Amino acid sequence: MTRTRSSAYASPRQGRSTRSSPHHHAPQRSSHLLITQPDRPRVAGAQGSHLLAERPGAAPDRGLGDLFVVRTAGHVMGPEALGSIEFGVDVLGCPLVVVLGHDSCGGVGAACAALETGMTPAGYVRDVVERVTPSVLAARAAGQVEPDQILAEHTRHTADLLLDRSRVLADKVAAGQAAVVGLRYRLADGSAQLVAARGLDATVPAAS
């Protein structure tokens, strides 16, 4: 069975329990994956922190072999992250890229703090802050100053940046073979709101 963009997006949203099945993490499943790749939905994701490992509700009923995950602070897109996502889409055949932003994101918080204090962190954390700052400025210019609003803007910006910087991904989306969506995830209740959809016929709620 070939997974499509729409089915990959819909499958985690069919009212399933947010508890992961023990089968998805069982040792025998790891052994199976060494032999064959299961015919299951795959999602290449860029996310800011720890959601899929520590919060299974972020990807309900998903386990080993189901997701191809790329993690960076503030879901910033450097060459390594872009290359990994292109590998997931072009080599593994992932039909859907999910930019999963979450509340209390350290990267967004650090960028906001740097703008307010005029002080930037040392080391490579500064690079993360500099990559997130344009999203914070764009949100503020649009009168969006609440943390959830800034996070949504940064998630949308990341989705667009992926398509702008990756010709491989942009070509897949243009050909109808892949899609990119941005989700704003709430840690407290496990809910996720769609904030961006590129190459997918999905209704994005009005910005709030």
Protein backbone atom coordinates (compact mmCIF):
# COMPACT_ATOMS: atom_id res chain seq x y z
CA MET A 1 0.00 0.00 0.00
CA THR A 2 1.44 3.38 -1.01
CA ARG A 3 0.97 6.16 1.50
CA THR A 4 -0.17 9.53 0.14
CA ARG A 5 0.29 13.03 1.52
CA SER A 6 -3.33 13.16 2.68
CA SER A 7 -3.39 9.72 4.30
CA ALA A 8 -0.10 10.36 6.10
CA TYR A 9 -1.55 13.60 7.49
CA ALA A 10 -4.91 12.07 8.38
CA SER A 11 -3.78 8.81 9.96
CA PRO A 12 -2.56 10.32 13.27
CA ARG A 13 -5.77 12.39 13.44
CA GLN A 14 -8.37 9.62 13.35
CA GLY A 15 -9.25 9.82 17.04
CA ARG A 16 -6.72 7.23 18.15
CA SER A 17 -5.58 7.03 21.73
CA THR A 18 -2.54 9.11 22.57
CA ARG A 19 -1.04 6.08 24.28
CA SER A 20 1.55 4.24 22.23
CA SER A 21 1.06 0.52 21.79
CA PRO A 22 3.80 -1.55 23.49
CA HIS A 23 4.12 -3.42 20.18
CA HIS A 24 5.55 -0.34 18.53
CA HIS A 25 8.55 -0.32 20.86
CA ALA A 26 9.01 -4.06 21.44
CA PRO A 27 12.48 -5.61 20.86
CA GLN A 28 11.03 -8.02 18.27
CA ARG A 29 9.88 -5.01 16.23
CA SER A 30 13.45 -3.69 16.21
CA SER A 31 14.64 -7.03 14.84
CA HIS A 32 11.95 -6.93 12.17
CA LEU A 33 13.09 -3.49 11.04
CA LEU A 34 16.61 -4.79 10.47
CA ILE A 35 15.19 -7.14 7.84
CA THR A 36 12.48 -5.12 6.14
CA GLN A 37 10.88 -1.71 6.13
CA PRO A 38 7.21 -1.96 7.18
CA ASP A 39 4.56 -0.59 4.84
CA ARG A 40 3.40 2.10 7.23
CA PRO A 41 3.05 5.88 7.07
CA ARG A 42 6.23 7.83 7.43
CA VAL A 43 6.59 11.43 8.45
CA ALA A 44 9.81 13.41 8.25
CA GLY A 45 9.67 15.94 11.04
CA ALA A 46 11.61 18.91 12.26
CA GLN A 47 10.92 19.66 15.87
CA GLY A 48 12.32 21.74 18.61
CA SER A 49 12.82 19.38 21.50
CA HIS A 50 11.78 16.13 23.12
CA LEU A 51 8.21 15.49 22.08
CA LEU A 52 8.26 12.18 20.28
CA ALA A 53 10.55 10.49 22.78
CA GLU A 54 8.98 11.73 26.00
CA ARG A 55 5.47 12.65 24.88
CA PRO A 56 4.04 9.82 22.77
CA GLY A 57 0.83 11.83 22.42
CA ALA A 58 2.66 14.06 19.96
CA ALA A 59 2.55 11.16 17.51
CA PRO A 60 -0.23 8.81 18.64
CA ASP A 61 0.13 5.11 17.91
CA ARG A 62 3.53 5.56 16.29
CA GLY A 63 6.66 3.65 17.17
CA LEU A 64 9.89 2.27 15.74
CA GLY A 65 10.05 2.53 11.98
CA ASP A 66 6.95 4.71 11.65
CA LEU A 67 8.56 8.15 11.77
CA PHE A 68 11.76 9.63 10.42
CA VAL A 69 12.55 12.36 12.94
CA VAL A 70 14.97 15.27 12.64
CA ARG A 71 15.43 17.35 15.79
CA THR A 72 17.02 20.76 16.15
CA ALA A 73 16.62 23.49 18.75
CA GLY A 74 13.93 25.88 17.55
CA HIS A 75 13.56 23.60 14.48
CA VAL A 76 16.20 25.67 12.71
CA MET A 77 17.24 24.45 9.25
CA GLY A 78 20.97 23.98 8.73
CA PRO A 79 22.56 21.84 6.00
CA GLU A 80 22.54 18.69 8.12
CA ALA A 81 18.85 19.01 8.96
CA LEU A 82 17.94 19.79 5.34
CA GLY A 83 19.98 16.85 4.09
CA SER A 84 18.34 14.53 6.59
CA ILE A 85 14.85 15.67 5.57
CA GLU A 86 15.71 15.27 1.89
CA PHE A 87 16.92 11.74 2.65
CA GLY A 88 13.62 10.96 4.37
CA VAL A 89 11.56 12.31 1.48
CA ASP A 90 13.65 11.29 -1.53
CA VAL A 91 15.19 7.99 -0.37
CA LEU A 92 12.72 6.66 2.20
CA GLY A 93 9.68 8.01 0.40
CA CYS A 94 8.17 10.01 3.25
CA PRO A 95 5.07 11.72 1.81
CA LEU A 96 4.71 14.30 4.57
CA VAL A 97 7.09 16.67 6.33
CA VAL A 98 5.79 17.96 9.66
CA VAL A 99 7.28 21.03 11.30
CA LEU A 100 6.27 20.43 14.90
CA GLY A 101 6.59 23.55 17.02
CA HIS A 102 5.71 23.34 20.70
CA ASP A 103 4.97 25.82 23.44
CA SER A 104 7.80 26.77 25.78
CA CYS A 105 10.23 26.35 22.89
CA GLY A 106 13.68 27.24 24.14
CA GLY A 107 14.86 28.57 20.78
CA VAL A 108 11.94 30.96 20.42
CA GLY A 109 12.23 32.01 24.05
CA ALA A 110 15.95 32.72 23.67
CA ALA A 111 15.34 34.82 20.56
CA CYS A 112 12.65 36.84 22.33
CA ALA A 113 14.93 37.37 25.33
CA ALA A 114 17.81 38.49 23.12
CA LEU A 115 15.62 41.11 21.43
CA GLU A 116 14.35 42.39 24.76
CA THR A 117 17.70 42.58 26.53
CA GLY A 118 20.00 43.25 23.57
CA MET A 119 22.23 40.39 24.76
CA THR A 120 22.79 37.26 22.69
CA PRO A 121 24.02 33.90 23.99
CA ALA A 122 27.58 32.75 23.43
CA GLY A 123 28.73 29.88 21.27
CA TYR A 124 26.53 28.17 18.72
CA VAL A 125 23.40 28.95 20.70
CA ARG A 126 23.81 32.40 19.19
CA ASP A 127 23.42 30.87 15.73
CA VAL A 128 20.10 29.32 16.78
CA VAL A 129 18.89 32.66 18.13
CA GLU A 130 19.90 34.48 14.95
CA ARG A 131 17.96 31.98 12.81
CA VAL A 132 14.80 32.28 14.93
CA THR A 133 14.90 36.08 15.30
CA PRO A 134 13.39 36.89 11.85
CA SER A 135 10.25 34.96 12.82
CA VAL A 136 9.95 36.88 16.08
CA LEU A 137 10.36 40.21 14.29
CA ALA A 138 7.80 39.23 11.62
CA ALA A 139 5.28 38.27 14.27
CA ARG A 140 5.76 41.51 16.17
CA ALA A 141 5.48 43.54 12.98
CA ALA A 142 2.09 41.91 12.42
CA GLY A 143 1.00 42.80 15.96
CA GLN A 144 1.40 39.23 17.23
CA VAL A 145 3.20 39.34 20.55
CA GLU A 146 1.80 36.39 22.49
CA PRO A 147 4.09 33.33 22.76
CA ASP A 148 1.63 31.09 20.87
CA GLN A 149 1.39 33.63 18.06
CA ILE A 150 5.16 33.95 17.77
CA LEU A 151 5.52 30.16 17.76
CA ALA A 152 2.93 29.83 14.99
CA GLU A 153 4.74 32.43 12.89
CA HIS A 154 8.07 30.66 13.38
CA THR A 155 6.50 27.32 12.42
CA ARG A 156 5.03 28.84 9.25
CA HIS A 157 8.36 30.49 8.46
CA THR A 158 10.18 27.17 8.87
CA ALA A 159 7.76 25.40 6.53
CA ASP A 160 8.30 28.05 3.86
CA LEU A 161 12.06 28.06 4.44
CA LEU A 162 12.18 24.30 3.85
CA LEU A 163 10.61 24.71 0.42
CA ASP A 164 12.76 27.73 -0.39
CA ARG A 165 16.05 26.07 0.49
CA SER A 166 15.43 22.48 -0.60
CA ARG A 167 14.92 21.98 -4.34
CA VAL A 168 14.42 18.26 -3.74
CA LEU A 169 11.50 18.89 -1.39
CA ALA A 170 10.06 21.72 -3.48
CA ASP A 171 10.04 19.51 -6.58
CA LYS A 172 8.33 16.68 -4.68
CA VAL A 173 5.64 19.06 -3.45
CA ALA A 174 5.16 20.58 -6.89
CA ALA A 175 4.76 17.08 -8.35
CA GLY A 176 2.13 16.17 -5.77
CA GLN A 177 4.36 13.52 -4.19
CA ALA A 178 4.92 15.22 -0.83
CA ALA A 179 3.53 17.95 1.39
CA VAL A 180 4.74 20.14 4.23
CA VAL A 181 2.57 21.04 7.22
CA GLY A 182 3.27 23.06 10.36
CA LEU A 183 1.69 22.11 13.68
CA ARG A 184 1.61 24.06 16.95
CA TYR A 185 1.69 21.51 19.76
CA ARG A 186 0.56 22.18 23.33
CA LEU A 187 2.48 20.24 25.94
CA ALA A 188 -0.21 20.58 28.62
CA ASP A 189 -3.04 18.79 26.85
CA GLY A 190 -1.38 17.13 23.86
CA SER A 191 -3.43 19.07 21.31
CA ALA A 192 -2.02 20.21 17.98
CA GLN A 193 -3.26 22.99 15.71
CA LEU A 194 -2.51 23.24 12.01
CA VAL A 195 -0.79 26.55 11.24
CA ALA A 196 0.63 25.89 7.76
CA ALA A 197 -0.11 23.56 4.84
CA ARG A 198 1.95 23.48 1.67
CA GLY A 199 0.98 21.00 -1.04
CA LEU A 200 -1.94 19.65 0.97
CA ASP A 201 -5.62 20.45 0.69
CA ALA A 202 -6.20 21.30 4.35
CA THR A 203 -7.93 24.23 6.00
CA VAL A 204 -5.61 26.31 8.16
CA PRO A 205 -7.49 28.12 10.97
CA ALA A 206 -7.20 31.88 11.09
CA ALA A 207 -4.22 33.16 13.07
CA SER A 208 -5.02 33.76 16.73
